[in-house]
Amino acid sequence: MTKAADKKLIVGLDIGTSKVCALVGEVLPDGNVNVIGVGSSPSRGMDKGGVNDLESVVKSVQRAVDQAELMADCQIGSVCLSLSGKHISCQTEKGMVPISDKEVTQDDVDNVIHTAKSVKISDEQRTLHVIPQEFAIDYQEGIKNPVGLSGVRMEASVHLITCHNDMARNIVKAVERCGLTVDHLIFSGLATSHAVLTPDERELGVCVVDIGGGTMDLAIWTGGALRHAEVIPYAGNAVTSDIAYAFGTPPGDAEDIKVKYGCALSELVSKDAKVDVPSVGGRPSRSLQSQTLAEVIEPRYSELLGLVNQKLLTVQDQLREAGVKHHLAAGIVLTGGAAQMEGLTECAERVFRNQVRIGQPLELSGLTDYVQSPPYATAVGLLHYGKDSQSFDENAQEPKRSVTGLFSRISGWFEKNF
């Protein structure tokens, strides 16, 4: 198998509760990402973003990586890995420094960001991301790029995303058992935002909700900056469980029924439509009305989206009190595997009382038939991050163009690109 040394390759690995996805992308001369390898396998050993069976996770990851390697005809040695779970937390901090030479330099920007991020966090937590929101110079606020401007002192507002050390260590360990190196961990909701949002949406105000099997990742953007990140440890598996208990059918069959016949709004379902529901213990299957299925699904989705809406209202209140733009004029973007449910947009618009769309990965070429759908949003976002990390150090000595070592300089790129 070749190592594709003549190509600029990037790899994204998304280990979810329901699915493991590995994507290999090639960065084209025009800067676009061309997907050349896709690997996917059912996820085993993960629950709500955390590892509960290490060996099962290792096997799931290995299957997905093997598929991606085979399709891309390359050897994967290093990956950009997503991270989720209720241990993810965030906070906004401010820092202030004097401007060294009456005109802001990049060193001044680095210093003020370093000052802002130097806040003490729990020994159990580690910082995943330091994301500048905006700068202020003397009496001028809301500056996006302060380099070159004149002034006496500069203040920066930065958003810190942290994770639990051990939770991160466990998922990294599973990947390393497959002979891979994890060069950077990225919060799943942040990666997803990078894949499905437009700059206009981030500016106007938008909330991305990545609905997976075990978690819902939230990322709230206003004024072009990330304002809040959070993980709710309930998601699509709760709907599957409801179907299994309501109809006495095995969980695997309940998942199939949900995917094939589910609808999040019962009024959209024909009264004549029927669903064949397998039974347990060798009993014969039964035929039930599709509307009855929707009547089980709709309240659970409404409840899940209601949890998101409560978080949104709380965060908007906090932003308003802080004097920060808090309106979500661009509405809500739902993505992830559990966002493919028929009728979900209409159901969500009733809950949020705002415009809602289903988010699919943007700005891709190559194997788009495979990956241009909500379940691949996070993995595609990881590819975009990998691409940006390459372009960040264009003037530096170029590393060997293989997958291994590709992310050797990725640390810190996100802070400097945002």
Protein backbone atom coordinates (compact mmCIF):
# COMPACT_ATOMS: atom_id res chain seq x y z
CA MET A 1 0.00 0.00 0.00
CA THR A 2 1.44 3.37 -0.96
CA LYS A 3 1.86 6.18 1.49
CA ALA A 4 0.66 8.75 -1.03
CA ALA A 5 3.75 10.86 -0.36
CA ASP A 6 3.02 13.17 -3.27
CA LYS A 7 -0.31 14.30 -1.82
CA LYS A 8 -1.24 16.61 1.03
CA LEU A 9 -3.45 14.29 3.08
CA ILE A 10 -5.47 14.97 6.20
CA VAL A 11 -7.42 12.51 8.33
CA GLY A 12 -10.43 13.09 10.56
CA LEU A 13 -11.59 10.47 13.06
CA ASP A 14 -14.98 10.83 14.73
CA ILE A 15 -15.77 8.22 17.42
CA GLY A 16 -19.43 8.53 18.28
CA THR A 17 -21.82 6.55 20.44
CA SER A 18 -23.42 4.88 17.39
CA LYS A 19 -20.82 5.14 14.63
CA VAL A 20 -17.08 5.49 14.08
CA CYS A 21 -16.14 7.47 10.98
CA ALA A 22 -12.70 7.96 9.43
CA LEU A 23 -12.22 10.33 6.49
CA VAL A 24 -9.11 10.86 4.39
CA GLY A 25 -9.01 14.14 2.50
CA GLU A 26 -6.57 15.56 -0.01
CA VAL A 27 -5.94 19.31 0.01
CA LEU A 28 -6.11 20.49 -3.58
CA PRO A 29 -4.01 23.38 -4.96
CA ASP A 30 -7.06 25.68 -4.81
CA GLY A 31 -7.42 24.95 -1.07
CA ASN A 32 -10.51 22.78 -1.32
CA VAL A 33 -10.77 19.41 0.41
CA ASN A 34 -11.17 16.38 -1.83
CA VAL A 35 -12.42 13.34 0.09
CA ILE A 36 -10.59 10.26 -1.19
CA GLY A 37 -11.22 7.73 1.59
CA VAL A 38 -14.20 6.90 3.80
CA GLY A 39 -14.41 4.31 6.54
CA SER A 40 -17.37 3.69 8.80
CA SER A 41 -18.26 1.03 11.34
CA PRO A 42 -20.85 0.58 14.10
CA SER A 43 -19.49 1.95 17.36
CA ARG A 44 -19.09 -0.45 20.27
CA GLY A 45 -17.88 0.40 23.75
CA MET A 46 -18.88 4.09 23.72
CA ASP A 47 -21.61 5.69 25.79
CA LYS A 48 -22.51 9.39 25.84
CA GLY A 49 -19.10 10.35 24.48
CA GLY A 50 -17.11 8.26 26.99
CA VAL A 51 -15.28 4.94 26.70
CA ASN A 52 -16.82 2.09 28.71
CA ASP A 53 -15.17 -0.85 26.91
CA LEU A 54 -11.70 -0.06 25.60
CA GLU A 55 -11.17 -3.20 23.50
CA SER A 56 -14.53 -2.80 21.75
CA VAL A 57 -13.71 0.80 20.85
CA VAL A 58 -10.29 -0.27 19.51
CA LYS A 59 -11.93 -2.85 17.22
CA SER A 60 -14.52 -0.35 15.96
CA VAL A 61 -11.85 2.25 15.21
CA GLN A 62 -9.62 -0.28 13.48
CA ARG A 63 -12.43 -1.37 11.15
CA ALA A 64 -13.22 2.20 10.12
CA VAL A 65 -9.54 3.10 9.62
CA ASP A 66 -8.89 -0.05 7.57
CA GLN A 67 -11.77 0.82 5.24
CA ALA A 68 -10.55 4.40 4.78
CA GLU A 69 -6.98 3.25 4.09
CA LEU A 70 -8.17 0.75 1.51
CA MET A 71 -10.31 3.29 -0.31
CA ALA A 72 -7.69 6.06 -0.24
CA ASP A 73 -4.78 3.69 -0.97
CA CYS A 74 -2.67 5.15 1.80
CA GLN A 75 -1.38 4.32 5.26
CA ILE A 76 -2.90 6.37 8.07
CA GLY A 77 -0.50 7.17 10.87
CA SER A 78 -1.88 10.35 12.42
CA VAL A 79 -5.39 11.66 12.97
CA CYS A 80 -7.32 14.69 14.11
CA LEU A 81 -9.78 13.35 16.72
CA SER A 82 -13.13 14.70 17.88
CA LEU A 83 -14.17 14.70 21.53
CA SER A 84 -17.59 14.96 23.15
CA GLY A 85 -19.25 14.17 26.48
CA LYS A 86 -20.93 16.00 29.36
CA HIS A 87 -17.45 16.71 30.83
CA ILE A 88 -16.96 19.41 28.18
CA SER A 89 -17.31 22.89 29.66
CA CYS A 90 -16.63 26.46 28.58
CA GLN A 91 -16.00 29.90 29.99
CA THR A 92 -15.27 33.39 28.67
CA GLU A 93 -12.27 35.25 30.09
CA LYS A 94 -10.68 38.66 29.51
CA GLY A 95 -7.07 39.78 29.46
CA MET A 96 -5.41 43.18 29.16
CA VAL A 97 -1.86 44.25 28.19
CA PRO A 98 -0.13 47.55 27.35
CA ILE A 99 0.62 47.98 23.65
CA SER A 100 4.40 47.79 23.36
CA ASP A 101 5.13 50.25 20.57
CA LYS A 102 1.94 52.31 20.18
CA GLU A 103 0.98 50.01 17.33
CA VAL A 104 -0.38 46.50 17.85
CA THR A 105 1.91 43.70 16.68
CA GLN A 106 1.23 39.96 16.50
CA ASP A 107 3.33 39.60 19.66
CA ASP A 108 0.92 41.92 21.47
CA VAL A 109 -2.02 39.81 20.30
CA ASP A 110 -0.31 36.62 21.48
CA ASN A 111 0.47 38.24 24.85
CA VAL A 112 -3.07 39.43 25.53
CA ILE A 113 -4.53 36.04 24.57
CA HIS A 114 -1.99 34.35 26.84
CA THR A 115 -3.02 36.68 29.68
CA ALA A 116 -6.72 35.93 29.14
CA LYS A 117 -6.26 32.16 29.04
CA SER A 118 -4.03 32.04 32.13
CA VAL A 119 -7.02 31.65 34.42
CA LYS A 120 -6.81 28.77 36.89
CA ILE A 121 -8.86 25.71 35.93
CA SER A 122 -9.47 22.51 37.87
CA ASP A 123 -6.60 20.02 38.02
CA GLU A 124 -8.97 17.43 36.56
CA GLN A 125 -9.62 19.59 33.47
CA ARG A 126 -7.43 20.53 30.54
CA THR A 127 -7.85 23.26 27.95
CA LEU A 128 -8.93 22.09 24.51
CA HIS A 129 -9.38 25.43 22.76
CA VAL A 130 -8.58 29.09 23.33
CA ILE A 131 -10.77 31.03 20.90
CA PRO A 132 -10.48 34.82 20.61
CA GLN A 133 -13.88 36.51 20.37
CA GLU A 134 -13.03 40.20 19.99
CA PHE A 135 -10.51 42.84 21.03
CA ALA A 136 -10.75 46.36 22.42
CA ILE A 137 -8.10 49.09 22.11
CA ASP A 138 -8.52 51.95 24.55
CA TYR A 139 -12.13 53.06 23.95
CA GLN A 140 -12.74 51.19 20.70
CA GLU A 141 -14.53 47.86 21.14
CA GLY A 142 -15.57 45.00 18.87
CA ILE A 143 -12.29 44.78 16.93
CA LYS A 144 -11.79 41.52 15.02
CA ASN A 145 -8.16 41.96 13.96
CA PRO A 146 -6.20 44.53 15.99
CA VAL A 147 -2.79 44.14 14.26
CA GLY A 148 -1.52 47.48 12.99
CA LEU A 149 -3.94 49.62 14.97
CA SER A 150 -2.64 52.31 17.33
CA GLY A 151 -3.37 52.63 21.01
CA VAL A 152 -2.11 52.45 24.57
CA ARG A 153 -3.66 49.28 25.95
CA MET A 154 -5.51 46.30 24.48
CA GLU A 155 -8.07 43.96 25.95
CA ALA A 156 -9.06 40.55 24.58
CA SER A 157 -12.11 38.42 25.23
CA VAL A 158 -11.44 34.71 24.72
CA HIS A 159 -13.58 31.61 24.98
CA LEU A 160 -12.02 28.60 26.69
CA ILE A 161 -13.29 25.08 26.07
CA THR A 162 -12.06 22.48 28.56
CA CYS A 163 -12.44 18.74 28.95
CA HIS A 164 -11.82 16.15 31.66
CA ASN A 165 -8.27 14.79 31.56
CA ASP A 166 -9.15 11.14 32.07
CA MET A 167 -12.06 11.13 29.63
CA ALA A 168 -9.79 12.55 26.94
CA ARG A 169 -6.98 10.18 27.87
CA ASN A 170 -9.23 7.11 27.50
CA ILE A 171 -10.39 7.91 23.98
CA VAL A 172 -6.84 8.81 22.92
CA LYS A 173 -5.65 5.50 24.35
CA ALA A 174 -8.17 3.61 22.22
CA VAL A 175 -6.86 5.32 19.07
CA GLU A 176 -3.22 4.74 20.01
CA ARG A 177 -3.95 1.02 20.46
CA CYS A 178 -4.62 1.00 16.71
CA GLY A 179 -1.08 2.23 16.06
CA LEU A 180 -2.22 5.80 15.36
CA THR A 181 -1.01 9.11 16.74
CA VAL A 182 -3.51 11.71 17.94
CA ASP A 183 -2.01 15.09 17.22
CA HIS A 184 -4.97 17.20 18.21
CA LEU A 185 -8.28 16.86 20.04
CA ILE A 186 -11.16 19.05 18.87
CA PHE A 187 -14.54 19.48 20.53
CA SER A 188 -17.08 17.78 18.25
CA GLY A 189 -19.50 20.71 18.26
CA LEU A 190 -16.74 23.03 17.09
CA ALA A 191 -15.74 20.70 14.26
CA THR A 192 -19.37 20.35 13.22
CA SER A 193 -19.80 24.13 13.16
CA HIS A 194 -16.83 24.40 10.82
CA ALA A 195 -18.45 21.95 8.41
CA VAL A 196 -22.07 23.14 8.25
CA LEU A 197 -22.13 26.90 8.97
CA THR A 198 -21.61 29.86 6.67
CA PRO A 199 -19.79 33.04 7.83
CA ASP A 200 -23.07 34.95 7.54
CA GLU A 201 -24.79 32.58 9.96
CA ARG A 202 -22.00 32.92 12.50
CA GLU A 203 -22.24 36.70 12.23
CA LEU A 204 -26.03 36.94 12.49
CA GLY A 205 -26.26 34.47 15.36
CA VAL A 206 -26.89 30.74 15.10
CA CYS A 207 -26.97 27.61 17.24
CA VAL A 208 -25.62 24.32 15.88
CA VAL A 209 -27.10 21.20 17.47
CA ASP A 210 -25.32 17.96 16.55
CA ILE A 211 -27.77 15.21 17.53
CA GLY A 212 -25.91 11.92 17.79
CA GLY A 213 -26.76 8.61 19.39
CA GLY A 214 -25.70 9.43 22.94
CA THR A 215 -25.07 13.18 23.06
CA MET A 216 -26.25 16.49 21.64
CA ASP A 217 -23.38 18.94 21.05
CA LEU A 218 -24.29 22.64 21.17
CA ALA A 219 -22.30 25.53 19.74
CA ILE A 220 -23.77 29.03 19.91
CA TRP A 221 -22.32 31.76 17.67
CA THR A 222 -23.08 35.49 17.53
CA GLY A 223 -21.14 38.37 16.03
CA GLY A 224 -18.85 35.92 14.24
CA ALA A 225 -17.55 34.40 17.50
CA LEU A 226 -18.26 31.29 19.52
CA ARG A 227 -20.14 32.26 22.69
CA HIS A 228 -21.06 28.95 24.28
CA ALA A 229 -20.29 25.24 23.95
CA GLU A 230 -22.04 22.44 25.80
CA VAL A 231 -22.92 18.75 25.61
CA ILE A 232 -26.30 17.34 26.65
CA PRO A 233 -25.97 13.61 27.46
CA TYR A 234 -29.29 12.60 25.88
CA ALA A 235 -29.95 12.06 22.19
CA GLY A 236 -31.16 9.64 19.51
CA ASN A 237 -30.72 6.48 21.57
CA ALA A 238 -33.45 7.70 23.92
CA VAL A 239 -35.88 7.61 20.98
CA THR A 240 -34.76 4.09 20.07
CA SER A 241 -35.26 2.97 23.67
CA ASP A 242 -38.79 4.42 23.73
CA ILE A 243 -39.71 2.46 20.59
CA ALA A 244 -38.24 -0.76 22.00
CA TYR A 245 -40.20 -0.47 25.26
CA ALA A 246 -43.44 0.80 23.70
CA PHE A 247 -43.66 -2.02 21.16
CA GLY A 248 -41.72 -4.79 22.89
CA THR A 249 -39.18 -5.09 20.09
CA PRO A 250 -35.39 -5.68 20.32
CA PRO A 251 -33.29 -2.48 20.42
CA GLY A 252 -31.60 -3.30 17.11
CA ASP A 253 -34.97 -3.67 15.39
CA ALA A 254 -36.24 -0.54 17.14
CA GLU A 255 -33.31 1.42 15.63
CA ASP A 256 -34.09 0.07 12.15
CA ILE A 257 -37.77 0.99 12.53
CA LYS A 258 -36.84 4.49 13.71
CA VAL A 259 -34.52 5.07 10.74
CA LYS A 260 -36.81 3.61 8.07
CA TYR A 261 -40.28 4.60 9.22
CA GLY A 262 -39.88 7.22 11.95
CA CYS A 263 -41.42 10.68 11.81
CA ALA A 264 -41.07 13.45 14.38
CA LEU A 265 -44.51 14.91 13.63
CA SER A 266 -47.47 12.53 13.81
CA GLU A 267 -49.77 14.75 11.75
CA LEU A 268 -47.52 14.23 8.70
CA VAL A 269 -48.09 10.45 8.75
CA SER A 270 -50.83 8.79 6.70
CA LYS A 271 -53.44 7.06 8.83
CA ASP A 272 -53.35 4.08 6.47
CA ALA A 273 -49.57 3.50 6.68
CA LYS A 274 -48.44 0.37 8.53
CA VAL A 275 -45.17 -0.79 10.09
CA ASP A 276 -44.08 -4.39 10.59
CA VAL A 277 -42.69 -4.66 14.14
CA PRO A 278 -40.57 -7.72 15.10
CA SER A 279 -41.25 -9.28 18.51
CA VAL A 280 -38.99 -10.92 21.09
CA GLY A 281 -38.75 -14.52 22.23
CA GLY A 282 -39.68 -16.04 18.89
CA ARG A 283 -43.14 -14.48 18.86
CA PRO A 284 -44.54 -13.50 15.46
CA SER A 285 -44.10 -9.91 14.28
CA ARG A 286 -47.01 -7.48 14.45
CA SER A 287 -48.36 -4.81 12.14
CA LEU A 288 -48.86 -1.40 13.72
CA GLN A 289 -49.96 1.97 12.40
CA SER A 290 -47.14 4.32 11.44
CA GLN A 291 -49.03 7.08 13.23
CA THR A 292 -48.72 5.16 16.49
CA LEU A 293 -44.95 5.03 15.96
CA ALA A 294 -44.85 8.78 15.34
CA GLU A 295 -46.85 9.35 18.55
CA VAL A 296 -44.02 7.65 20.45
CA ILE A 297 -41.24 9.52 18.62
CA GLU A 298 -42.68 13.05 18.60
CA PRO A 299 -42.84 13.68 22.38
CA ARG A 300 -39.28 12.43 22.90
CA TYR A 301 -37.87 14.64 20.15
CA SER A 302 -39.87 17.56 21.53
CA GLU A 303 -38.37 16.87 24.96
CA LEU A 304 -34.80 16.65 23.61
CA LEU A 305 -35.18 19.88 21.64
CA GLY A 306 -36.83 21.46 24.68
CA LEU A 307 -33.66 20.76 26.69
CA VAL A 308 -31.67 22.57 24.01
CA ASN A 309 -34.10 25.49 24.03
CA GLN A 310 -33.76 25.88 27.81
CA LYS A 311 -29.97 26.10 27.42
CA LEU A 312 -30.37 28.61 24.60
CA LEU A 313 -32.60 30.91 26.62
CA THR A 314 -30.19 30.79 29.58
CA VAL A 315 -27.17 31.60 27.42
CA GLN A 316 -29.01 34.40 25.62
CA ASP A 317 -29.88 35.96 28.99
CA GLN A 318 -26.22 35.78 30.03
CA LEU A 319 -25.07 37.36 26.76
CA ARG A 320 -27.65 40.13 27.10
CA GLU A 321 -26.44 40.92 30.62
CA ALA A 322 -22.84 41.00 29.37
CA GLY A 323 -23.80 43.46 26.64
CA VAL A 324 -23.01 40.98 23.86
CA LYS A 325 -25.12 40.39 20.76
CA HIS A 326 -27.49 37.59 21.76
CA HIS A 327 -30.09 37.27 18.98
CA LEU A 328 -30.03 34.10 16.88
CA ALA A 329 -31.19 35.76 13.68
CA ALA A 330 -29.95 32.84 11.54
CA GLY A 331 -31.91 30.37 13.64
CA ILE A 332 -31.02 26.78 14.49
CA VAL A 333 -28.99 24.28 12.44
CA LEU A 334 -29.63 20.63 13.29
CA THR A 335 -27.15 18.00 12.14
CA GLY A 336 -25.83 14.56 13.14
CA GLY A 337 -27.22 11.09 12.54
CA ALA A 338 -30.43 11.63 14.53
CA ALA A 339 -31.21 14.83 12.61
CA GLN A 340 -32.29 12.89 9.51
CA MET A 341 -35.74 12.16 10.93
CA GLU A 342 -38.67 13.11 8.72
CA GLY A 343 -40.69 15.98 10.15
CA LEU A 344 -37.88 17.09 12.46
CA THR A 345 -37.59 20.58 10.97
CA GLU A 346 -41.29 21.27 11.56
CA CYS A 347 -41.14 19.79 15.07
CA ALA A 348 -38.07 21.90 15.92
CA GLU A 349 -39.58 25.13 14.59
CA ARG A 350 -42.48 24.68 17.00
CA VAL A 351 -40.11 24.18 19.93
CA PHE A 352 -37.63 26.97 19.13
CA ARG A 353 -40.07 29.40 17.49
CA ASN A 354 -37.28 30.21 15.09
CA GLN A 355 -36.18 29.13 11.63
CA VAL A 356 -34.55 25.69 11.48
CA ARG A 357 -32.56 23.90 8.81
CA ILE A 358 -30.81 20.54 8.58
CA GLY A 359 -27.06 21.07 8.23
CA GLN A 360 -25.02 19.15 5.67
CA PRO A 361 -21.25 19.46 5.13
CA LEU A 362 -20.25 22.34 2.86
CA GLU A 363 -17.33 23.00 0.49
CA LEU A 364 -16.41 19.42 -0.38
CA SER A 365 -15.41 17.51 -3.48
CA GLY A 366 -14.57 13.89 -4.14
CA LEU A 367 -16.67 11.21 -2.48
CA THR A 368 -19.54 13.59 -1.74
CA ASP A 369 -22.17 10.87 -2.27
CA TYR A 370 -20.76 9.18 0.82
CA VAL A 371 -20.20 12.11 3.15
CA GLN A 372 -22.52 14.96 2.19
CA SER A 373 -25.05 14.08 4.86
CA PRO A 374 -25.58 15.04 8.53
CA PRO A 375 -23.93 11.94 10.12
CA TYR A 376 -20.57 12.94 8.57
CA ALA A 377 -20.64 16.61 9.60
CA THR A 378 -18.17 16.26 12.48
CA ALA A 379 -15.66 14.20 10.49
CA VAL A 380 -15.82 16.67 7.60
CA GLY A 381 -15.23 19.51 10.06
CA LEU A 382 -12.07 17.76 11.22
CA LEU A 383 -10.84 17.71 7.61
CA HIS A 384 -11.42 21.45 7.31
CA TYR A 385 -9.39 21.96 10.47
CA GLY A 386 -6.58 19.87 9.06
CA LYS A 387 -6.61 21.92 5.87
CA ASP A 388 -6.42 25.20 7.79
CA SER A 389 -3.52 23.91 9.88
CA GLN A 390 -1.58 23.21 6.68
CA SER A 391 -2.13 26.66 5.23
CA PHE A 392 -1.25 28.32 8.53
CA ASP A 393 2.48 27.71 8.29
CA GLU A 394 2.99 28.08 4.55
CA ASN A 395 6.32 29.84 4.98
CA ALA A 396 7.73 27.28 7.37
CA GLN A 397 9.79 24.36 6.16
CA GLU A 398 7.35 21.90 4.68
CA PRO A 399 7.13 18.52 6.41
CA LYS A 400 7.11 15.21 4.60
CA ARG A 401 3.84 14.96 2.76
CA SER A 402 2.53 11.82 4.31
CA VAL A 403 -0.35 11.26 6.65
CA THR A 404 2.08 10.46 9.46
CA GLY A 405 3.34 13.68 10.97
CA LEU A 406 0.93 15.83 9.02
CA PHE A 407 -0.35 17.46 12.18
CA SER A 408 3.07 17.98 13.76
CA ARG A 409 2.46 21.74 13.80
CA ILE A 410 -1.29 21.70 14.38
CA SER A 411 -1.06 22.78 18.02
CA GLY A 412 -2.11 26.37 18.31
CA TRP A 413 -3.35 26.80 14.75
CA PHE A 414 -6.98 27.16 15.77
CA GLU A 415 -6.26 29.90 18.28
CA LYS A 416 -4.37 31.87 15.64
CA ASN A 417 -6.87 31.30 12.85
CA PHE A 418 -9.79 32.47 14.91
